[in-house]
Amino acid sequence: MTDHFAEHQSGLSSPATELHDVTPDDGADLPVFARGLSVTQSGTMTVTTVGGTVATIYVAAGSVFPVRVRRVWQTGTSATGIVGLV
């Protein structure tokens, strides 16, 4: 297999190169901070951004919410099937 982009640096506007299942947790940051989130079931998510802002957002199923996230809180999160894009 050939990766024509292997020699290129990924930027924040580049497609994600990794996907990580996210389990909401009130006491722990994500092991790898995400640069976007996607969900399989629409709902709210309470997140802490990389910059430290805590907010509750609505994410629609199948869309990518482009926000850099360090934590997804269990409290205030009703969306399910959360995936972090890295």
Protein backbone atom coordinates (compact mmCIF):
# COMPACT_ATOMS: atom_id res chain seq x y z
CA MET A 1 0.00 0.00 0.00
CA THR A 2 1.15 3.50 -0.72
CA ASP A 3 0.54 6.61 1.35
CA HIS A 4 1.19 9.54 -0.96
CA PHE A 5 1.00 11.93 2.00
CA ALA A 6 3.40 10.15 4.37
CA GLU A 7 6.05 12.84 3.88
CA HIS A 8 3.63 15.71 4.59
CA GLN A 9 3.03 17.33 7.97
CA SER A 10 -0.58 17.09 9.18
CA GLY A 11 -2.19 20.38 10.17
CA LEU A 12 -5.41 21.23 11.99
CA SER A 13 -7.24 21.55 8.67
CA SER A 14 -5.98 18.15 7.48
CA PRO A 15 -8.16 15.05 7.75
CA ALA A 16 -7.83 13.11 10.98
CA THR A 17 -5.18 10.41 11.01
CA GLU A 18 -6.46 8.59 14.11
CA LEU A 19 -9.87 7.82 15.63
CA HIS A 20 -10.35 7.13 19.34
CA ASP A 21 -13.48 5.90 21.11
CA VAL A 22 -14.35 8.35 23.89
CA THR A 23 -15.84 7.32 27.21
CA PRO A 24 -17.18 10.39 29.03
CA ASP A 25 -15.49 10.82 32.41
CA ASP A 26 -15.92 13.58 34.99
CA GLY A 27 -12.49 12.92 36.52
CA ALA A 28 -10.05 12.37 33.66
CA ASP A 29 -8.87 14.05 30.49
CA LEU A 30 -8.72 12.13 27.22
CA PRO A 31 -5.48 10.19 26.78
CA VAL A 32 -5.07 11.96 23.42
CA PHE A 33 -6.65 15.40 22.98
CA ALA A 34 -9.06 15.46 20.03
CA ARG A 35 -9.34 18.06 17.29
CA GLY A 36 -12.90 17.13 16.53
CA LEU A 37 -15.72 14.93 17.79
CA SER A 38 -18.30 12.79 16.06
CA VAL A 39 -21.24 10.86 17.54
CA THR A 40 -23.52 8.06 16.38
CA GLN A 41 -26.47 9.25 18.52
CA SER A 42 -27.26 12.98 18.57
CA GLY A 43 -27.25 14.75 21.90
CA THR A 44 -25.42 17.08 24.20
CA MET A 45 -21.83 16.84 25.34
CA THR A 46 -20.20 18.74 28.14
CA VAL A 47 -16.58 19.27 27.16
CA THR A 48 -13.44 21.01 28.32
CA THR A 49 -11.54 22.53 25.41
CA VAL A 50 -7.77 22.45 25.09
CA GLY A 51 -7.91 26.14 26.09
CA GLY A 52 -9.75 25.31 29.33
CA THR A 53 -13.30 26.43 28.51
CA VAL A 54 -16.09 24.18 29.83
CA ALA A 55 -19.33 24.22 27.83
CA THR A 56 -22.26 22.04 26.88
CA ILE A 57 -22.69 21.65 23.13
CA TYR A 58 -25.15 19.84 20.88
CA VAL A 59 -23.70 17.44 18.30
CA ALA A 60 -25.77 15.87 15.53
CA ALA A 61 -25.21 12.23 14.61
CA GLY A 62 -22.84 11.75 11.70
CA SER A 63 -21.41 15.25 11.73
CA VAL A 64 -18.00 16.37 12.95
CA PHE A 65 -17.90 19.06 15.61
CA PRO A 66 -14.57 20.84 15.01
CA VAL A 67 -13.39 21.71 18.50
CA ARG A 68 -10.13 20.77 20.23
CA VAL A 69 -11.17 18.84 23.34
CA ARG A 70 -9.24 17.63 26.38
CA ARG A 71 -12.20 16.15 28.34
CA VAL A 72 -15.72 14.89 27.65
CA TRP A 73 -17.71 14.96 30.88
CA GLN A 74 -20.16 12.22 31.83
CA THR A 75 -22.33 14.81 33.58
CA GLY A 76 -24.27 16.73 30.92
CA THR A 77 -23.50 14.28 28.11
CA SER A 78 -26.40 12.49 26.43
CA ALA A 79 -24.81 11.80 23.02
CA THR A 80 -23.49 8.28 22.54
CA GLY A 81 -21.01 6.59 20.23
CA ILE A 82 -18.51 9.42 20.70
CA VAL A 83 -15.34 9.29 18.62
CA GLY A 84 -12.42 11.70 18.95
CA LEU A 85 -10.68 12.67 15.72
CA VAL A 86 -6.94 13.20 16.09
